[in-house]
Amino acid sequence: MANRHVRHRQSQAEMNRGIGMLEAMLSQREVARALGVTQSVVSRMCTQFDVTENVMHQQTVGRDRSTTQAQDRFIALQAQHHRFNNATTLRNDFQNVTRVRLSTQAIRNWLHHVGLRSREYTSS
């Protein structure tokens, strides 16, 4: 059976520890072995540190968030408590409480992300 590598982010502590080992003159191969990662991961970490002088993860891809995590939870709770409301009603309730403007599609996208659905809008 082939050895499969699961890609995951290194924690901040692991990255700091790795940089410390590199500064203590350990080789990238030795650091990789100590951290339990491949040498290419250590190489990327070293390159990032050389360029930015920091090992912090920086999110650069995608659009800026328009809601906080608390607001996201509010949307999900509203959808759970008011299961028969459509996305437009959920959006209006959200805007009345938070004064943050969102599109109904943004509400639908967030609900889909957390595994919920809003009721479809049907005209009577």
PDB file of N, CA and C in Angstrom:
ATOM      1  N   MET A   1       0.837  -1.177   0.000  1.00  0.00           N
ATOM      2  CA  MET A   1       0.000   0.000   0.000  1.00  0.00           C
ATOM      3  C   MET A   1       0.882   1.239   0.000  1.00  0.00           C
ATOM      4  N   ALA A   2       0.551   2.209  -0.844  1.00  0.00           N
ATOM      5  CA  ALA A   2       1.360   3.410  -0.976  1.00  0.00           C
ATOM      6  C   ALA A   2       1.202   4.299   0.250  1.00  0.00           C
ATOM      7  N   ASN A   3       2.276   4.981   0.605  1.00  0.00           N
ATOM      8  CA  ASN A   3       2.247   5.922   1.719  1.00  0.00           C
ATOM      9  C   ASN A   3       1.621   7.219   1.228  1.00  0.00           C
ATOM     10  N   ARG A   4       0.454   7.558   1.743  1.00  0.00           N
ATOM     11  CA  ARG A   4      -0.243   8.766   1.301  1.00  0.00           C
ATOM     12  C   ARG A   4       0.046   9.901   2.272  1.00  0.00           C
ATOM     13  N   HIS A   5       0.372  11.051   1.710  1.00  0.00           N
ATOM     14  CA  HIS A   5       0.621  12.229   2.522  1.00  0.00           C
ATOM     15  C   HIS A   5      -0.654  13.043   2.609  1.00  0.00           C
ATOM     16  N   VAL A   6      -1.040  13.402   3.809  1.00  0.00           N
ATOM     17  CA  VAL A   6      -2.195  14.254   4.014  1.00  0.00           C
ATOM     18  C   VAL A   6      -1.675  15.672   4.176  1.00  0.00           C
ATOM     19  N   ARG A   7      -2.148  16.561   3.316  1.00  0.00           N
ATOM     20  CA  ARG A   7      -1.670  17.935   3.364  1.00  0.00           C
ATOM     21  C   ARG A   7      -2.453  18.709   4.406  1.00  0.00           C
ATOM     22  N   HIS A   8      -1.760  19.310   5.328  1.00  0.00           N
ATOM     23  CA  HIS A   8      -2.388  20.164   6.326  1.00  0.00           C
ATOM     24  C   HIS A   8      -1.418  21.274   6.691  1.00  0.00           C
ATOM     25  N   ARG A   9      -1.951  22.318   7.225  1.00  0.00           N
ATOM     26  CA  ARG A   9      -1.111  23.447   7.615  1.00  0.00           C
ATOM     27  C   ARG A   9      -0.380  23.135   8.897  1.00  0.00           C
ATOM     28  N   GLN A  10       0.836  23.613   8.947  1.00  0.00           N
ATOM     29  CA  GLN A  10       1.608  23.497  10.173  1.00  0.00           C
ATOM     30  C   GLN A  10       1.071  24.528  11.158  1.00  0.00           C
ATOM     31  N   SER A  11       1.057  24.173  12.427  1.00  0.00           N
ATOM     32  CA  SER A  11       0.612  25.128  13.430  1.00  0.00           C
ATOM     33  C   SER A  11       1.672  26.215  13.578  1.00  0.00           C
ATOM     34  N   GLN A  12       1.259  27.320  14.160  1.00  0.00           N
ATOM     35  CA  GLN A  12       2.187  28.430  14.374  1.00  0.00           C
ATOM     36  C   GLN A  12       3.364  27.982  15.235  1.00  0.00           C
ATOM     37  N   ALA A  13       3.089  27.178  16.253  1.00  0.00           N
ATOM     38  CA  ALA A  13       4.150  26.707  17.139  1.00  0.00           C
ATOM     39  C   ALA A  13       5.146  25.819  16.390  1.00  0.00           C
ATOM     40  N   GLU A  14       4.636  24.953  15.513  1.00  0.00           N
ATOM     41  CA  GLU A  14       5.529  24.081  14.734  1.00  0.00           C
ATOM     42  C   GLU A  14       6.414  24.905  13.798  1.00  0.00           C
ATOM     43  N   MET A  15       5.823  25.927  13.186  1.00  0.00           N
ATOM     44  CA  MET A  15       6.607  26.753  12.278  1.00  0.00           C
ATOM     45  C   MET A  15       7.678  27.529  13.035  1.00  0.00           C
ATOM     46  N   ASN A  16       7.324  28.079  14.184  1.00  0.00           N
ATOM     47  CA  ASN A  16       8.316  28.792  15.001  1.00  0.00           C
ATOM     48  C   ASN A  16       9.426  27.859  15.458  1.00  0.00           C
ATOM     49  N   ARG A  17       9.044  26.647  15.838  1.00  0.00           N
ATOM     50  CA  ARG A  17      10.025  25.650  16.275  1.00  0.00           C
ATOM     51  C   ARG A  17      10.973  25.296  15.128  1.00  0.00           C
ATOM     52  N   GLY A  18      10.403  25.137  13.916  1.00  0.00           N
ATOM     53  CA  GLY A  18      11.230  24.814  12.753  1.00  0.00           C
ATOM     54  C   GLY A  18      12.215  25.915  12.420  1.00  0.00           C
ATOM     55  N   ILE A  19      11.760  27.166  12.462  1.00  0.00           N
ATOM     56  CA  ILE A  19      12.661  28.297  12.194  1.00  0.00           C
ATOM     57  C   ILE A  19      13.749  28.359  13.252  1.00  0.00           C
ATOM     58  N   GLY A  20      13.375  28.094  14.504  1.00  0.00           N
ATOM     59  CA  GLY A  20      14.373  28.067  15.577  1.00  0.00           C
ATOM     60  C   GLY A  20      15.438  27.008  15.339  1.00  0.00           C
ATOM     61  N   MET A  21      15.012  25.841  14.869  1.00  0.00           N
ATOM     62  CA  MET A  21      15.958  24.769  14.570  1.00  0.00           C
ATOM     63  C   MET A  21      16.882  25.165  13.420  1.00  0.00           C
ATOM     64  N   LEU A  22      16.299  25.811  12.405  1.00  0.00           N
ATOM     65  CA  LEU A  22      17.119  26.248  11.271  1.00  0.00           C
ATOM     66  C   LEU A  22      18.140  27.294  11.710  1.00  0.00           C
ATOM     67  N   GLU A  23      17.718  28.203  12.586  1.00  0.00           N
ATOM     68  CA  GLU A  23      18.637  29.222  13.092  1.00  0.00           C
ATOM     69  C   GLU A  23      19.704  28.611  13.990  1.00  0.00           C
ATOM     70  N   ALA A  24      19.413  27.439  14.578  1.00  0.00           N
ATOM     71  CA  ALA A  24      20.391  26.729  15.394  1.00  0.00           C
ATOM     72  C   ALA A  24      21.303  25.867  14.535  1.00  0.00           C
ATOM     73  N   MET A  25      21.246  26.096  13.207  1.00  0.00           N
ATOM     74  CA  MET A  25      22.125  25.455  12.235  1.00  0.00           C
ATOM     75  C   MET A  25      21.842  23.979  11.990  1.00  0.00           C
ATOM     76  N   LEU A  26      20.616  23.535  12.232  1.00  0.00           N
ATOM     77  CA  LEU A  26      20.236  22.193  11.826  1.00  0.00           C
ATOM     78  C   LEU A  26      19.906  22.246  10.339  1.00  0.00           C
ATOM     79  N   SER A  27      20.089  21.142   9.654  1.00  0.00           N
ATOM     80  CA  SER A  27      19.780  21.106   8.227  1.00  0.00           C
ATOM     81  C   SER A  27      18.276  21.021   8.032  1.00  0.00           C
ATOM     82  N   GLN A  28      17.832  21.371   6.827  1.00  0.00           N
ATOM     83  CA  GLN A  28      16.404  21.281   6.518  1.00  0.00           C
ATOM     84  C   GLN A  28      15.921  19.844   6.657  1.00  0.00           C
ATOM     85  N   ARG A  29      16.760  18.898   6.291  1.00  0.00           N
ATOM     86  CA  ARG A  29      16.390  17.498   6.395  1.00  0.00           C
ATOM     87  C   ARG A  29      16.190  17.079   7.857  1.00  0.00           C
ATOM     88  N   GLU A  30      17.075  17.554   8.741  1.00  0.00           N
ATOM     89  CA  GLU A  30      16.943  17.239  10.164  1.00  0.00           C
ATOM     90  C   GLU A  30      15.687  17.888  10.764  1.00  0.00           C
ATOM     91  N   VAL A  31      15.402  19.117  10.357  1.00  0.00           N
ATOM     92  CA  VAL A  31      14.215  19.811  10.843  1.00  0.00           C
ATOM     93  C   VAL A  31      12.961  19.081  10.358  1.00  0.00           C
ATOM     94  N   ALA A  32      12.969  18.676   9.095  1.00  0.00           N
ATOM     95  CA  ALA A  32      11.821  17.952   8.533  1.00  0.00           C
ATOM     96  C   ALA A  32      11.576  16.664   9.296  1.00  0.00           C
ATOM     97  N   ARG A  33      12.628  15.954   9.598  1.00  0.00           N
ATOM     98  CA  ARG A  33      12.494  14.701  10.339  1.00  0.00           C
ATOM     99  C   ARG A  33      11.944  14.963  11.742  1.00  0.00           C
ATOM    100  N   ALA A  34      12.418  16.018  12.399  1.00  0.00           N
ATOM    101  CA  ALA A  34      11.957  16.338  13.758  1.00  0.00           C
ATOM    102  C   ALA A  34      10.490  16.768  13.771  1.00  0.00           C
ATOM    103  N   LEU A  35      10.058  17.486  12.737  1.00  0.00           N
ATOM    104  CA  LEU A  35       8.675  17.958  12.675  1.00  0.00           C
ATOM    105  C   LEU A  35       7.729  16.937  12.052  1.00  0.00           C
ATOM    106  N   GLY A  36       8.288  15.909  11.418  1.00  0.00           N
ATOM    107  CA  GLY A  36       7.456  14.896  10.784  1.00  0.00           C
ATOM    108  C   GLY A  36       6.829  15.364   9.485  1.00  0.00           C
ATOM    109  N   VAL A  37       7.548  16.200   8.738  1.00  0.00           N
ATOM    110  CA  VAL A  37       7.069  16.701   7.454  1.00  0.00           C
ATOM    111  C   VAL A  37       8.139  16.440   6.406  1.00  0.00           C
ATOM    112  N   THR A  38       7.816  16.728   5.154  1.00  0.00           N
ATOM    113  CA  THR A  38       8.811  16.549   4.106  1.00  0.00           C
ATOM    114  C   THR A  38       9.762  17.743   4.082  1.00  0.00           C
ATOM    115  N   GLN A  39      10.875  17.534   3.439  1.00  0.00           N
ATOM    116  CA  GLN A  39      11.878  18.594   3.367  1.00  0.00           C
ATOM    117  C   GLN A  39      11.379  19.772   2.554  1.00  0.00           C
ATOM    118  N   SER A  40      10.473  19.534   1.580  1.00  0.00           N
ATOM    119  CA  SER A  40       9.944  20.639   0.785  1.00  0.00           C
ATOM    120  C   SER A  40       9.087  21.578   1.633  1.00  0.00           C
ATOM    121  N   VAL A  41       8.413  21.027   2.644  1.00  0.00           N
ATOM    122  CA  VAL A  41       7.624  21.866   3.549  1.00  0.00           C
ATOM    123  C   VAL A  41       8.553  22.792   4.321  1.00  0.00           C
ATOM    124  N   VAL A  42       9.648  22.260   4.807  1.00  0.00           N
ATOM    125  CA  VAL A  42      10.621  23.071   5.542  1.00  0.00           C
ATOM    126  C   VAL A  42      11.241  24.107   4.617  1.00  0.00           C
ATOM    127  N   SER A  43      11.500  23.728   3.378  1.00  0.00           N
ATOM    128  CA  SER A  43      12.063  24.667   2.407  1.00  0.00           C
ATOM    129  C   SER A  43      11.117  25.836   2.163  1.00  0.00           C
ATOM    130  N   ARG A  44       9.825  25.548   1.981  1.00  0.00           N
ATOM    131  CA  ARG A  44       8.833  26.623   1.786  1.00  0.00           C
ATOM    132  C   ARG A  44       8.735  27.509   3.019  1.00  0.00           C
ATOM    133  N   MET A  45       8.782  26.889   4.206  1.00  0.00           N
ATOM    134  CA  MET A  45       8.729  27.652   5.446  1.00  0.00           C
ATOM    135  C   MET A  45       9.942  28.576   5.554  1.00  0.00           C
ATOM    136  N   CYS A  46      11.096  28.070   5.183  1.00  0.00           N
ATOM    137  CA  CYS A  46      12.328  28.854   5.223  1.00  0.00           C
ATOM    138  C   CYS A  46      12.266  30.010   4.229  1.00  0.00           C
ATOM    139  N   THR A  47      11.773  29.734   3.025  1.00  0.00           N
ATOM    140  CA  THR A  47      11.648  30.777   2.004  1.00  0.00           C
ATOM    141  C   THR A  47      10.681  31.859   2.464  1.00  0.00           C
ATOM    142  N   GLN A  48       9.547  31.454   3.038  1.00  0.00           N
ATOM    143  CA  GLN A  48       8.576  32.423   3.527  1.00  0.00           C
ATOM    144  C   GLN A  48       9.189  33.293   4.618  1.00  0.00           C
ATOM    145  N   PHE A  49       9.961  32.682   5.496  1.00  0.00           N
ATOM    146  CA  PHE A  49      10.590  33.444   6.575  1.00  0.00           C
ATOM    147  C   PHE A  49      11.636  34.409   6.023  1.00  0.00           C
ATOM    148  N   ASP A  50      12.406  33.976   5.019  1.00  0.00           N
ATOM    149  CA  ASP A  50      13.416  34.852   4.418  1.00  0.00           C
ATOM    150  C   ASP A  50      12.786  36.058   3.738  1.00  0.00           C
ATOM    151  N   VAL A  51      11.651  35.856   3.079  1.00  0.00           N
ATOM    152  CA  VAL A  51      11.004  36.941   2.336  1.00  0.00           C
ATOM    153  C   VAL A  51      10.269  37.887   3.277  1.00  0.00           C
ATOM    154  N   THR A  52       9.487  37.329   4.200  1.00  0.00           N
ATOM    155  CA  THR A  52       8.607  38.161   5.031  1.00  0.00           C
ATOM    156  C   THR A  52       9.142  38.399   6.435  1.00  0.00           C
ATOM    157  N   GLU A  53      10.193  37.688   6.823  1.00  0.00           N
ATOM    158  CA  GLU A  53      10.726  37.717   8.187  1.00  0.00           C
ATOM    159  C   GLU A  53       9.641  37.365   9.203  1.00  0.00           C
ATOM    160  N   ASN A  54       8.735  36.527   8.781  1.00  0.00           N
ATOM    161  CA  ASN A  54       7.620  36.130   9.617  1.00  0.00           C
ATOM    162  C   ASN A  54       7.149  34.760   9.144  1.00  0.00           C
ATOM    163  N   VAL A  55       6.591  33.965  10.050  1.00  0.00           N
ATOM    164  CA  VAL A  55       6.052  32.670   9.649  1.00  0.00           C
ATOM    165  C   VAL A  55       4.542  32.628   9.796  1.00  0.00           C
ATOM    166  N   MET A  56       3.925  33.792   9.977  1.00  0.00           N
ATOM    167  CA  MET A  56       2.469  33.854  10.119  1.00  0.00           C
ATOM    168  C   MET A  56       1.816  33.462   8.802  1.00  0.00           C
ATOM    169  N   HIS A  57       0.674  32.741   8.909  1.00  0.00           N
ATOM    170  CA  HIS A  57      -0.120  32.433   7.731  1.00  0.00           C
ATOM    171  C   HIS A  57      -0.831  33.701   7.307  1.00  0.00           C
ATOM    172  N   GLN A  58      -0.775  34.008   6.025  1.00  0.00           N
ATOM    173  CA  GLN A  58      -1.467  35.182   5.531  1.00  0.00           C
ATOM    174  C   GLN A  58      -2.487  34.749   4.498  1.00  0.00           C
ATOM    175  N   GLN A  59      -3.752  35.120   4.733  1.00  0.00           N
ATOM    176  CA  GLN A  59      -4.778  34.815   3.763  1.00  0.00           C
ATOM    177  C   GLN A  59      -4.771  35.925   2.730  1.00  0.00           C
ATOM    178  N   THR A  60      -4.459  35.571   1.498  1.00  0.00           N
ATOM    179  CA  THR A  60      -4.391  36.584   0.461  1.00  0.00           C
ATOM    180  C   THR A  60      -5.354  36.308  -0.680  1.00  0.00           C
ATOM    181  N   VAL A  61      -5.912  35.116  -0.729  1.00  0.00           N
ATOM    182  CA  VAL A  61      -6.774  34.744  -1.824  1.00  0.00           C
ATOM    183  C   VAL A  61      -8.223  34.976  -1.420  1.00  0.00           C
ATOM    184  N   GLY A  62      -8.999  35.471  -2.339  1.00  0.00           N
ATOM    185  CA  GLY A  62     -10.415  35.634  -2.084  1.00  0.00           C
ATOM    186  C   GLY A  62     -10.782  37.030  -1.657  1.00  0.00           C
ATOM    187  N   ARG A  63     -12.037  37.201  -1.470  1.00  0.00           N
ATOM    188  CA  ARG A  63     -12.594  38.495  -1.140  1.00  0.00           C
ATOM    189  C   ARG A  63     -12.594  38.701   0.368  1.00  0.00           C
ATOM    190  N   ASP A  64     -12.535  39.952   0.809  1.00  0.00           N
ATOM    191  CA  ASP A  64     -12.609  40.239   2.235  1.00  0.00           C
ATOM    192  C   ASP A  64     -13.964  39.815   2.774  1.00  0.00           C
ATOM    193  N   ARG A  65     -13.980  39.352   3.996  1.00  0.00           N
ATOM    194  CA  ARG A  65     -15.225  38.922   4.617  1.00  0.00           C
ATOM    195  C   ARG A  65     -16.091  40.124   4.920  1.00  0.00           C
ATOM    196  N   SER A  66     -17.387  39.976   4.711  1.00  0.00           N
ATOM    197  CA  SER A  66     -18.299  41.072   5.012  1.00  0.00           C
ATOM    198  C   SER A  66     -19.014  40.850   6.339  1.00  0.00           C
ATOM    199  N   THR A  67     -18.872  39.666   6.911  1.00  0.00           N
ATOM    200  CA  THR A  67     -19.505  39.370   8.194  1.00  0.00           C
ATOM    201  C   THR A  67     -18.479  38.783   9.151  1.00  0.00           C
ATOM    202  N   THR A  68     -18.743  38.958  10.438  1.00  0.00           N
ATOM    203  CA  THR A  68     -17.884  38.353  11.455  1.00  0.00           C
ATOM    204  C   THR A  68     -18.370  36.935  11.725  1.00  0.00           C
ATOM    205  N   GLN A  69     -17.597  36.198  12.493  1.00  0.00           N
ATOM    206  CA  GLN A  69     -18.009  34.836  12.835  1.00  0.00           C
ATOM    207  C   GLN A  69     -19.286  34.855  13.662  1.00  0.00           C
ATOM    208  N   ALA A  70     -19.431  35.848  14.540  1.00  0.00           N
ATOM    209  CA  ALA A  70     -20.653  35.943  15.349  1.00  0.00           C
ATOM    210  C   ALA A  70     -21.863  36.204  14.451  1.00  0.00           C
ATOM    211  N   GLN A  71     -21.690  37.051  13.448  1.00  0.00           N
ATOM    212  CA  GLN A  71     -22.792  37.318  12.527  1.00  0.00           C
ATOM    213  C   GLN A  71     -23.129  36.082  11.709  1.00  0.00           C
ATOM    214  N   ASP A  72     -22.121  35.315  11.325  1.00  0.00           N
ATOM    215  CA  ASP A  72     -22.359  34.067  10.604  1.00  0.00           C
ATOM    216  C   ASP A  72     -23.171  33.092  11.462  1.00  0.00           C
ATOM    217  N   ARG A  73     -22.821  33.003  12.740  1.00  0.00           N
ATOM    218  CA  ARG A  73     -23.574  32.136  13.650  1.00  0.00           C
ATOM    219  C   ARG A  73     -25.018  32.617  13.777  1.00  0.00           C
ATOM    220  N   PHE A  74     -25.200  33.941  13.813  1.00  0.00           N
ATOM    221  CA  PHE A  74     -26.547  34.505  13.907  1.00  0.00           C
ATOM    222  C   PHE A  74     -27.386  34.071  12.712  1.00  0.00           C
ATOM    223  N   ILE A  75     -26.809  34.145  11.518  1.00  0.00           N
ATOM    224  CA  ILE A  75     -27.530  33.738  10.311  1.00  0.00           C
ATOM    225  C   ILE A  75     -27.937  32.266  10.410  1.00  0.00           C
ATOM    226  N   ALA A  76     -26.992  31.423  10.824  1.00  0.00           N
ATOM    227  CA  ALA A  76     -27.282  29.988  10.933  1.00  0.00           C
ATOM    228  C   ALA A  76     -28.354  29.728  11.987  1.00  0.00           C
ATOM    229  N   LEU A  77     -28.276  30.412  13.121  1.00  0.00           N
ATOM    230  CA  LEU A  77     -29.283  30.213  14.169  1.00  0.00           C
ATOM    231  C   LEU A  77     -30.656  30.689  13.710  1.00  0.00           C
ATOM    232  N   GLN A  78     -30.706  31.820  13.011  1.00  0.00           N
ATOM    233  CA  GLN A  78     -31.979  32.317  12.491  1.00  0.00           C
ATOM    234  C   GLN A  78     -32.587  31.296  11.528  1.00  0.00           C
ATOM    235  N   ALA A  79     -31.761  30.716  10.684  1.00  0.00           N
ATOM    236  CA  ALA A  79     -32.256  29.727   9.724  1.00  0.00           C
ATOM    237  C   ALA A  79     -32.766  28.480  10.440  1.00  0.00           C
ATOM    238  N   GLN A  80     -32.099  28.096  11.532  1.00  0.00           N
ATOM    239  CA  GLN A  80     -32.539  26.921  12.275  1.00  0.00           C
ATOM    240  C   GLN A  80     -33.831  27.198  13.041  1.00  0.00           C
ATOM    241  N   HIS A  81     -33.926  28.370  13.663  1.00  0.00           N
ATOM    242  CA  HIS A  81     -35.099  28.697  14.473  1.00  0.00           C
ATOM    243  C   HIS A  81     -36.317  29.025  13.621  1.00  0.00           C
ATOM    244  N   HIS A  82     -36.083  29.594  12.454  1.00  0.00           N
ATOM    245  CA  HIS A  82     -37.177  29.985  11.567  1.00  0.00           C
ATOM    246  C   HIS A  82     -37.019  29.210  10.262  1.00  0.00           C
ATOM    247  N   ARG A  83     -37.275  27.915  10.334  1.00  0.00           N
ATOM    248  CA  ARG A  83     -36.996  27.020   9.218  1.00  0.00           C
ATOM    249  C   ARG A  83     -37.783  27.343   7.961  1.00  0.00           C
ATOM    250  N   PHE A  84     -38.906  28.015   8.092  1.00  0.00           N
ATOM    251  CA  PHE A  84     -39.747  28.258   6.926  1.00  0.00           C
ATOM    252  C   PHE A  84     -39.550  29.639   6.322  1.00  0.00           C
ATOM    253  N   ASN A  85     -38.586  30.400   6.820  1.00  0.00           N
ATOM    254  CA  ASN A  85     -38.277  31.703   6.231  1.00  0.00           C
ATOM    255  C   ASN A  85     -37.413  31.515   4.992  1.00  0.00           C
ATOM    256  N   ASN A  86     -37.648  32.347   3.996  1.00  0.00           N
ATOM    257  CA  ASN A  86     -36.797  32.279   2.807  1.00  0.00           C
ATOM    258  C   ASN A  86     -35.570  33.168   3.017  1.00  0.00           C
ATOM    259  N   ALA A  87     -34.648  33.156   2.069  1.00  0.00           N
ATOM    260  CA  ALA A  87     -33.389  33.884   2.197  1.00  0.00           C
ATOM    261  C   ALA A  87     -33.623  35.389   2.286  1.00  0.00           C
ATOM    262  N   THR A  88     -34.629  35.892   1.597  1.00  0.00           N
ATOM    263  CA  THR A  88     -34.918  37.326   1.640  1.00  0.00           C
ATOM    264  C   THR A  88     -35.330  37.745   3.046  1.00  0.00           C
ATOM    265  N   THR A  89     -36.187  36.964   3.683  1.00  0.00           N
ATOM    266  CA  THR A  89     -36.617  37.264   5.042  1.00  0.00           C
ATOM    267  C   THR A  89     -35.444  37.162   6.017  1.00  0.00           C
ATOM    268  N   LEU A  90     -34.621  36.132   5.859  1.00  0.00           N
ATOM    269  CA  LEU A  90     -33.432  35.993   6.712  1.00  0.00           C
ATOM    270  C   LEU A  90     -32.495  37.183   6.532  1.00  0.00           C
ATOM    271  N   ARG A  91     -32.315  37.625   5.283  1.00  0.00           N
ATOM    272  CA  ARG A  91     -31.455  38.770   5.013  1.00  0.00           C
ATOM    273  C   ARG A  91     -32.012  40.022   5.675  1.00  0.00           C
ATOM    274  N   ASN A  92     -33.328  40.250   5.560  1.00  0.00           N
ATOM    275  CA  ASN A  92     -33.940  41.433   6.158  1.00  0.00           C
ATOM    276  C   ASN A  92     -33.805  41.426   7.679  1.00  0.00           C
ATOM    277  N   ASP A  93     -34.030  40.267   8.287  1.00  0.00           N
ATOM    278  CA  ASP A  93     -33.862  40.155   9.737  1.00  0.00           C
ATOM    279  C   ASP A  93     -32.421  40.450  10.136  1.00  0.00           C
ATOM    280  N   PHE A  94     -31.485  39.907   9.373  1.00  0.00           N
ATOM    281  CA  PHE A  94     -30.066  40.125   9.653  1.00  0.00           C
ATOM    282  C   PHE A  94     -29.721  41.607   9.544  1.00  0.00           C
ATOM    283  N   GLN A  95     -30.185  42.266   8.495  1.00  0.00           N
ATOM    284  CA  GLN A  95     -29.882  43.683   8.285  1.00  0.00           C
ATOM    285  C   GLN A  95     -30.523  44.553   9.359  1.00  0.00           C
ATOM    286  N   ASN A  96     -31.713  44.205   9.819  1.00  0.00           N
ATOM    287  CA  ASN A  96     -32.362  44.977  10.874  1.00  0.00           C
ATOM    288  C   ASN A  96     -31.600  44.900  12.188  1.00  0.00           C
ATOM    289  N   VAL A  97     -31.005  43.755  12.467  1.00  0.00           N
ATOM    290  CA  VAL A  97     -30.293  43.568  13.724  1.00  0.00           C
ATOM    291  C   VAL A  97     -28.878  44.129  13.652  1.00  0.00           C
ATOM    292  N   THR A  98     -28.162  43.877  12.555  1.00  0.00           N
ATOM    293  CA  THR A  98     -26.737  44.201  12.495  1.00  0.00           C
ATOM    294  C   THR A  98     -26.399  45.454  11.711  1.00  0.00           C
ATOM    295  N   ARG A  99     -27.320  45.942  10.905  1.00  0.00           N
ATOM    296  CA  ARG A  99     -27.078  47.090  10.018  1.00  0.00           C
ATOM    297  C   ARG A  99     -25.993  46.805   8.974  1.00  0.00           C
ATOM    298  N   VAL A 100     -25.774  45.532   8.680  1.00  0.00           N
ATOM    299  CA  VAL A 100     -24.833  45.109   7.638  1.00  0.00           C
ATOM    300  C   VAL A 100     -25.643  44.645   6.447  1.00  0.00           C
ATOM    301  N   ARG A 101     -25.332  45.177   5.271  1.00  0.00           N
ATOM    302  CA  ARG A 101     -26.076  44.815   4.069  1.00  0.00           C
ATOM    303  C   ARG A 101     -25.444  43.603   3.406  1.00  0.00           C
ATOM    304  N   LEU A 102     -26.262  42.603   3.141  1.00  0.00           N
ATOM    305  CA  LEU A 102     -25.829  41.402   2.432  1.00  0.00           C
ATOM    306  C   LEU A 102     -26.843  41.102   1.340  1.00  0.00           C
ATOM    307  N   SER A 103     -26.412  40.376   0.347  1.00  0.00           N
ATOM    308  CA  SER A 103     -27.341  39.928  -0.685  1.00  0.00           C
ATOM    309  C   SER A 103     -28.009  38.631  -0.223  1.00  0.00           C
ATOM    310  N   THR A 104     -29.137  38.334  -0.821  1.00  0.00           N
ATOM    311  CA  THR A 104     -29.799  37.072  -0.487  1.00  0.00           C
ATOM    312  C   THR A 104     -28.928  35.901  -0.922  1.00  0.00           C
ATOM    313  N   GLN A 105     -28.173  36.087  -2.008  1.00  0.00           N
ATOM    314  CA  GLN A 105     -27.286  35.011  -2.458  1.00  0.00           C
ATOM    315  C   GLN A 105     -26.193  34.749  -1.431  1.00  0.00           C
ATOM    316  N   ALA A 106     -25.687  35.788  -0.793  1.00  0.00           N
ATOM    317  CA  ALA A 106     -24.677  35.602   0.257  1.00  0.00           C
ATOM    318  C   ALA A 106     -25.262  34.793   1.410  1.00  0.00           C
ATOM    319  N   ILE A 107     -26.513  35.061   1.754  1.00  0.00           N
ATOM    320  CA  ILE A 107     -27.189  34.290   2.805  1.00  0.00           C
ATOM    321  C   ILE A 107     -27.308  32.827   2.376  1.00  0.00           C
ATOM    322  N   ARG A 108     -27.754  32.599   1.144  1.00  0.00           N
ATOM    323  CA  ARG A 108     -27.880  31.222   0.642  1.00  0.00           C
ATOM    324  C   ARG A 108     -26.529  30.515   0.645  1.00  0.00           C
ATOM    325  N   ASN A 109     -25.477  31.219   0.204  1.00  0.00           N
ATOM    326  CA  ASN A 109     -24.135  30.622   0.160  1.00  0.00           C
ATOM    327  C   ASN A 109     -23.679  30.220   1.557  1.00  0.00           C
ATOM    328  N   TRP A 110     -23.894  31.102   2.548  1.00  0.00           N
ATOM    329  CA  TRP A 110     -23.457  30.793   3.900  1.00  0.00           C
ATOM    330  C   TRP A 110     -24.231  29.602   4.456  1.00  0.00           C
ATOM    331  N   LEU A 111     -25.536  29.585   4.224  1.00  0.00           N
ATOM    332  CA  LEU A 111     -26.337  28.466   4.715  1.00  0.00           C
ATOM    333  C   LEU A 111     -25.883  27.154   4.077  1.00  0.00           C
ATOM    334  N   HIS A 112     -25.588  27.192   2.795  1.00  0.00           N
ATOM    335  CA  HIS A 112     -25.085  25.998   2.119  1.00  0.00           C
ATOM    336  C   HIS A 112     -23.760  25.563   2.737  1.00  0.00           C
ATOM    337  N   HIS A 113     -22.909  26.518   3.059  1.00  0.00           N
ATOM    338  CA  HIS A 113     -21.599  26.232   3.645  1.00  0.00           C
ATOM    339  C   HIS A 113     -21.730  25.496   4.978  1.00  0.00           C
ATOM    340  N   VAL A 114     -22.743  25.847   5.771  1.00  0.00           N
ATOM    341  CA  VAL A 114     -22.921  25.202   7.076  1.00  0.00           C
ATOM    342  C   VAL A 114     -23.920  24.055   7.034  1.00  0.00           C
ATOM    343  N   GLY A 115     -24.374  23.692   5.834  1.00  0.00           N
ATOM    344  CA  GLY A 115     -25.244  22.529   5.684  1.00  0.00           C
ATOM    345  C   GLY A 115     -26.715  22.798   5.929  1.00  0.00           C
ATOM    346  N   LEU A 116     -27.136  24.055   5.787  1.00  0.00           N
ATOM    347  CA  LEU A 116     -28.544  24.404   5.962  1.00  0.00           C
ATOM    348  C   LEU A 116     -29.102  24.922   4.635  1.00  0.00           C
ATOM    349  N   ARG A 117     -30.430  25.049   4.601  1.00  0.00           N
ATOM    350  CA  ARG A 117     -31.079  25.602   3.406  1.00  0.00           C
ATOM    351  C   ARG A 117     -32.162  26.562   3.846  1.00  0.00           C
ATOM    352  N   SER A 118     -32.379  27.574   3.034  1.00  0.00           N
ATOM    353  CA  SER A 118     -33.526  28.455   3.295  1.00  0.00           C
ATOM    354  C   SER A 118     -34.685  27.942   2.453  1.00  0.00           C
ATOM    355  N   ARG A 119     -35.877  28.326   2.853  1.00  0.00           N
ATOM    356  CA  ARG A 119     -37.055  27.926   2.084  1.00  0.00           C
ATOM    357  C   ARG A 119     -37.030  28.655   0.762  1.00  0.00           C
ATOM    358  N   GLU A 120     -37.432  27.966  -0.285  1.00  0.00           N
ATOM    359  CA  GLU A 120     -37.499  28.589  -1.610  1.00  0.00           C
ATOM    360  C   GLU A 120     -38.591  29.626  -1.619  1.00  0.00           C
ATOM    361  N   TYR A 121     -38.345  30.700  -2.327  1.00  0.00           N
ATOM    362  CA  TYR A 121     -39.362  31.754  -2.445  1.00  0.00           C
ATOM    363  C   TYR A 121     -40.386  31.320  -3.459  1.00  0.00           C
ATOM    364  N   THR A 122     -41.635  31.343  -3.059  1.00  0.00           N
ATOM    365  CA  THR A 122     -42.724  31.021  -3.993  1.00  0.00           C
ATOM    366  C   THR A 122     -43.757  32.124  -3.880  1.00  0.00           C
ATOM    367  N   SER A 123     -44.175  32.657  -5.015  1.00  0.00           N
ATOM    368  CA  SER A 123     -45.202  33.694  -4.978  1.00  0.00           C
ATOM    369  C   SER A 123     -46.566  33.026  -4.960  1.00  0.00           C
ATOM    370  N   SER A 124     -47.469  33.594  -4.196  1.00  0.00           N
ATOM    371  CA  SER A 124     -48.805  32.993  -4.038  1.00  0.00           C
ATOM    372  C   SER A 124     -49.740  33.447  -5.097  1.00  0.00           C
TER     373      SER A 124
END
